[in-house]
N, C-alpha and C. Protein backbone atom coordinates (compact mmCIF):
# COMPACT_ATOMS: atom_id res chain seq x y z
N MET A 1 10.92 26.27 -29.51
CA MET A 1 10.90 25.34 -30.62
C MET A 1 10.59 23.95 -30.09
N ASP A 2 9.44 23.47 -30.40
CA ASP A 2 9.04 22.16 -29.94
C ASP A 2 8.94 21.25 -31.16
N HIS A 3 9.88 20.35 -31.29
CA HIS A 3 9.90 19.43 -32.42
C HIS A 3 9.53 18.03 -31.96
N GLU A 4 8.66 17.42 -32.70
CA GLU A 4 8.29 16.03 -32.44
C GLU A 4 9.28 15.13 -33.18
N LEU A 5 9.34 13.89 -32.76
CA LEU A 5 10.18 12.93 -33.47
C LEU A 5 9.70 12.84 -34.91
N GLY A 6 10.59 12.85 -35.82
CA GLY A 6 10.23 12.78 -37.22
C GLY A 6 10.16 14.15 -37.89
N ASP A 7 10.04 15.24 -37.09
CA ASP A 7 10.08 16.58 -37.67
C ASP A 7 11.49 16.81 -38.21
N ARG A 8 11.53 17.39 -39.37
CA ARG A 8 12.82 17.65 -40.00
C ARG A 8 13.40 18.95 -39.44
N ILE A 9 14.64 18.88 -39.00
CA ILE A 9 15.37 20.06 -38.57
C ILE A 9 16.24 20.46 -39.76
N HIS A 10 16.08 21.68 -40.23
CA HIS A 10 16.82 22.13 -41.40
C HIS A 10 18.23 22.55 -41.00
N SER A 11 19.18 21.72 -41.37
CA SER A 11 20.58 21.99 -41.07
C SER A 11 21.22 22.79 -42.19
N PRO A 12 22.21 23.60 -41.83
CA PRO A 12 22.95 24.31 -42.87
C PRO A 12 23.56 23.31 -43.85
N GLN A 13 23.46 23.62 -45.14
CA GLN A 13 23.98 22.73 -46.18
C GLN A 13 25.28 23.25 -46.80
N THR A 14 25.43 24.58 -46.81
CA THR A 14 26.58 25.20 -47.47
C THR A 14 27.33 26.08 -46.47
N GLY A 15 28.48 26.57 -46.90
CA GLY A 15 29.26 27.48 -46.06
C GLY A 15 28.49 28.75 -45.74
N LYS A 16 27.75 29.25 -46.71
CA LYS A 16 26.95 30.45 -46.50
C LYS A 16 25.86 30.19 -45.46
N ASP A 17 25.21 29.03 -45.56
CA ASP A 17 24.20 28.64 -44.57
C ASP A 17 24.81 28.54 -43.17
N LEU A 18 25.98 27.92 -43.09
CA LEU A 18 26.66 27.74 -41.81
C LEU A 18 26.98 29.10 -41.19
N ASN A 19 27.47 30.02 -42.00
CA ASN A 19 27.81 31.36 -41.52
C ASN A 19 26.57 32.05 -40.97
N SER A 20 25.47 31.99 -41.69
CA SER A 20 24.22 32.63 -41.24
C SER A 20 23.70 31.97 -39.97
N TRP A 21 23.76 30.66 -39.91
CA TRP A 21 23.27 29.92 -38.75
C TRP A 21 24.10 30.24 -37.51
N ARG A 22 25.43 30.26 -37.68
CA ARG A 22 26.33 30.57 -36.56
C ARG A 22 26.04 31.97 -36.02
N LYS A 23 25.89 32.93 -36.93
CA LYS A 23 25.63 34.30 -36.51
C LYS A 23 24.26 34.41 -35.83
N ALA A 24 23.28 33.66 -36.31
CA ALA A 24 21.96 33.66 -35.68
C ALA A 24 22.04 33.14 -34.24
N LEU A 25 22.94 32.20 -34.00
CA LEU A 25 23.14 31.68 -32.65
C LEU A 25 23.93 32.67 -31.79
N GLY A 26 24.61 33.61 -32.44
CA GLY A 26 25.41 34.59 -31.72
C GLY A 26 26.79 34.07 -31.33
N LEU A 27 27.26 33.07 -32.08
CA LEU A 27 28.56 32.47 -31.77
C LEU A 27 29.65 32.96 -32.71
N ARG A 28 30.85 33.01 -32.21
CA ARG A 28 32.03 33.27 -33.03
C ARG A 28 32.50 31.94 -33.59
N GLN A 29 33.33 31.98 -34.64
CA GLN A 29 33.80 30.74 -35.26
C GLN A 29 34.50 29.85 -34.25
N ARG A 30 35.36 30.43 -33.45
CA ARG A 30 36.12 29.64 -32.47
C ARG A 30 35.18 28.99 -31.44
N GLU A 31 34.14 29.71 -31.04
CA GLU A 31 33.19 29.16 -30.07
C GLU A 31 32.38 28.02 -30.68
N LEU A 32 31.94 28.19 -31.92
CA LEU A 32 31.21 27.11 -32.57
C LEU A 32 32.09 25.88 -32.72
N ALA A 33 33.33 26.09 -33.11
CA ALA A 33 34.26 24.98 -33.27
C ALA A 33 34.44 24.23 -31.95
N GLU A 34 34.54 24.97 -30.86
CA GLU A 34 34.72 24.36 -29.55
C GLU A 34 33.50 23.50 -29.18
N VAL A 35 32.32 24.04 -29.42
CA VAL A 35 31.08 23.31 -29.10
C VAL A 35 30.96 22.06 -29.97
N LEU A 36 31.38 22.17 -31.23
CA LEU A 36 31.27 21.03 -32.15
C LEU A 36 32.40 20.02 -31.99
N GLY A 37 33.45 20.41 -31.27
CA GLY A 37 34.59 19.52 -31.12
C GLY A 37 35.47 19.50 -32.35
N LEU A 38 35.48 20.61 -33.08
CA LEU A 38 36.28 20.73 -34.29
C LEU A 38 37.31 21.85 -34.13
N ASN A 39 38.27 21.89 -35.03
CA ASN A 39 39.26 22.95 -35.04
C ASN A 39 38.62 24.20 -35.64
N HIS A 40 38.98 25.38 -35.12
CA HIS A 40 38.36 26.60 -35.63
C HIS A 40 38.71 26.85 -37.09
N HIS A 41 39.84 26.32 -37.56
CA HIS A 41 40.20 26.45 -38.98
C HIS A 41 39.20 25.68 -39.86
N THR A 42 38.66 24.59 -39.35
CA THR A 42 37.68 23.80 -40.09
C THR A 42 36.42 24.62 -40.33
N ILE A 43 35.98 25.34 -39.31
CA ILE A 43 34.79 26.18 -39.45
C ILE A 43 35.07 27.33 -40.42
N SER A 44 36.22 27.93 -40.30
CA SER A 44 36.60 29.04 -41.18
C SER A 44 36.62 28.60 -42.64
N ARG A 45 37.25 27.46 -42.90
CA ARG A 45 37.31 26.93 -44.27
C ARG A 45 35.92 26.61 -44.80
N ALA A 46 35.10 26.01 -43.95
CA ALA A 46 33.75 25.63 -44.37
C ALA A 46 32.94 26.88 -44.75
N GLU A 47 33.07 27.94 -43.97
CA GLU A 47 32.31 29.16 -44.26
C GLU A 47 32.84 29.88 -45.50
N ARG A 48 34.13 29.80 -45.75
CA ARG A 48 34.69 30.46 -46.93
C ARG A 48 34.26 29.79 -48.22
N ALA A 49 33.96 28.50 -48.17
CA ALA A 49 33.49 27.77 -49.35
C ALA A 49 31.98 28.02 -49.46
N LYS A 50 31.62 29.25 -49.79
CA LYS A 50 30.24 29.74 -49.73
C LYS A 50 29.20 28.80 -50.34
N GLY A 51 29.38 28.43 -51.61
CA GLY A 51 28.36 27.64 -52.29
C GLY A 51 28.57 26.14 -52.20
N ASP A 52 29.72 25.73 -51.70
CA ASP A 52 30.01 24.29 -51.62
C ASP A 52 29.27 23.66 -50.44
N ARG A 53 28.89 22.40 -50.64
CA ARG A 53 28.25 21.66 -49.55
C ARG A 53 29.26 21.43 -48.44
N LEU A 54 28.76 21.39 -47.21
CA LEU A 54 29.63 21.18 -46.07
C LEU A 54 30.23 19.78 -46.10
N LYS A 55 31.45 19.67 -45.62
CA LYS A 55 32.06 18.35 -45.50
C LYS A 55 31.29 17.56 -44.45
N ARG A 56 31.33 16.26 -44.60
CA ARG A 56 30.52 15.38 -43.76
C ARG A 56 30.75 15.60 -42.27
N GLU A 57 32.00 15.75 -41.84
CA GLU A 57 32.27 15.91 -40.40
C GLU A 57 31.61 17.17 -39.84
N VAL A 58 31.61 18.25 -40.61
CA VAL A 58 30.99 19.49 -40.17
C VAL A 58 29.47 19.34 -40.18
N PHE A 59 28.94 18.79 -41.25
CA PHE A 59 27.49 18.62 -41.39
C PHE A 59 26.92 17.77 -40.25
N VAL A 60 27.55 16.66 -39.95
CA VAL A 60 27.07 15.76 -38.90
C VAL A 60 27.19 16.44 -37.53
N ALA A 61 28.30 17.12 -37.29
CA ALA A 61 28.49 17.81 -36.01
C ALA A 61 27.42 18.88 -35.82
N VAL A 62 27.09 19.62 -36.88
CA VAL A 62 26.06 20.65 -36.80
C VAL A 62 24.70 20.03 -36.54
N GLN A 63 24.39 18.93 -37.21
CA GLN A 63 23.11 18.25 -36.98
C GLN A 63 22.98 17.79 -35.52
N LEU A 64 24.06 17.24 -34.98
CA LEU A 64 24.02 16.79 -33.59
C LEU A 64 23.83 17.97 -32.63
N LEU A 65 24.51 19.07 -32.91
CA LEU A 65 24.35 20.26 -32.07
C LEU A 65 22.92 20.78 -32.15
N GLN A 66 22.36 20.84 -33.35
CA GLN A 66 20.98 21.30 -33.51
C GLN A 66 20.02 20.42 -32.70
N HIS A 67 20.21 19.12 -32.78
CA HIS A 67 19.37 18.19 -32.04
C HIS A 67 19.45 18.48 -30.54
N ARG A 68 20.67 18.66 -30.05
CA ARG A 68 20.87 18.91 -28.62
C ARG A 68 20.28 20.25 -28.20
N LEU A 69 20.36 21.26 -29.08
CA LEU A 69 19.77 22.57 -28.77
C LEU A 69 18.25 22.50 -28.72
N VAL A 70 17.67 21.83 -29.71
CA VAL A 70 16.22 21.72 -29.79
C VAL A 70 15.65 20.99 -28.58
N HIS A 71 16.37 19.98 -28.11
CA HIS A 71 15.87 19.16 -27.01
C HIS A 71 16.38 19.63 -25.64
N GLY A 72 17.00 20.81 -25.62
CA GLY A 72 17.44 21.40 -24.35
C GLY A 72 18.56 20.65 -23.66
N GLU A 73 19.36 19.92 -24.42
CA GLU A 73 20.44 19.13 -23.84
C GLU A 73 21.73 19.94 -23.70
N ILE A 74 21.75 21.14 -24.25
CA ILE A 74 22.96 21.95 -24.19
C ILE A 74 22.55 23.40 -23.96
N ASP A 75 23.37 24.10 -23.20
CA ASP A 75 23.12 25.50 -22.87
C ASP A 75 24.32 26.31 -23.34
N LEU A 76 24.09 27.27 -24.21
CA LEU A 76 25.18 28.09 -24.75
C LEU A 76 25.49 29.30 -23.89
N SER A 77 24.70 29.60 -22.87
CA SER A 77 24.90 30.81 -22.08
C SER A 77 26.28 30.90 -21.41
N PRO A 78 26.89 29.79 -20.94
CA PRO A 78 28.23 29.92 -20.37
C PRO A 78 29.26 30.46 -21.37
N ILE A 79 29.06 30.18 -22.64
CA ILE A 79 29.98 30.70 -23.67
C ILE A 79 29.91 32.22 -23.70
N PHE A 80 28.70 32.76 -23.64
CA PHE A 80 28.53 34.20 -23.70
C PHE A 80 29.05 34.88 -22.45
N LYS A 81 28.95 34.21 -21.31
CA LYS A 81 29.39 34.80 -20.04
C LYS A 81 30.92 34.92 -19.97
N LYS A 82 31.64 33.94 -20.52
CA LYS A 82 33.10 33.98 -20.43
C LYS A 82 33.76 34.69 -21.61
N ARG A 83 32.96 35.20 -22.52
CA ARG A 83 33.45 35.83 -23.75
C ARG A 83 34.16 37.15 -23.45
N SER A 84 35.30 37.33 -24.08
CA SER A 84 35.98 38.62 -23.99
C SER A 84 35.57 39.47 -25.19
N PRO A 85 35.52 40.79 -25.03
CA PRO A 85 35.08 41.65 -26.14
C PRO A 85 36.07 41.62 -27.30
N LEU A 86 35.53 41.82 -28.49
CA LEU A 86 36.37 41.89 -29.69
C LEU A 86 36.93 43.30 -29.83
N GLY A 87 38.03 43.41 -30.54
CA GLY A 87 38.59 44.72 -30.85
C GLY A 87 39.49 45.27 -29.75
N ARG A 88 39.91 46.49 -29.97
CA ARG A 88 40.78 47.16 -29.02
C ARG A 88 39.97 47.73 -27.87
N PRO A 89 40.55 47.73 -26.68
CA PRO A 89 39.84 48.32 -25.55
C PRO A 89 39.66 49.83 -25.77
N ARG A 90 38.54 50.34 -25.30
CA ARG A 90 38.28 51.77 -25.41
C ARG A 90 39.11 52.54 -24.40
N LYS A 91 39.53 53.75 -24.81
CA LYS A 91 40.27 54.61 -23.91
C LYS A 91 39.32 55.20 -22.89
N LYS A 92 39.79 55.27 -21.65
CA LYS A 92 38.98 55.89 -20.60
C LYS A 92 39.17 57.38 -20.68
N VAL A 93 38.09 58.09 -20.62
CA VAL A 93 38.14 59.56 -20.74
C VAL A 93 38.11 60.21 -19.39
């Protein structure tokens, strides 16, 4: 993704948009909250308000993260490397 100055980056506007965007990045709510510097409850509440516009603090934080991602200023790979699996551990057979 090569964006020139002045190109519009489409930020999530609603909770539904935020949920889709987060999943497209492959992040869990807690991980996104950590990257944005917000509480994970804030992300959860924002996503549950499906049709409502995002609160300003979430919207601005997401815009800043998008900018940093587009310009290569942030790398999300360490998040994926330290991630523990979800769910119960599988039984060894």
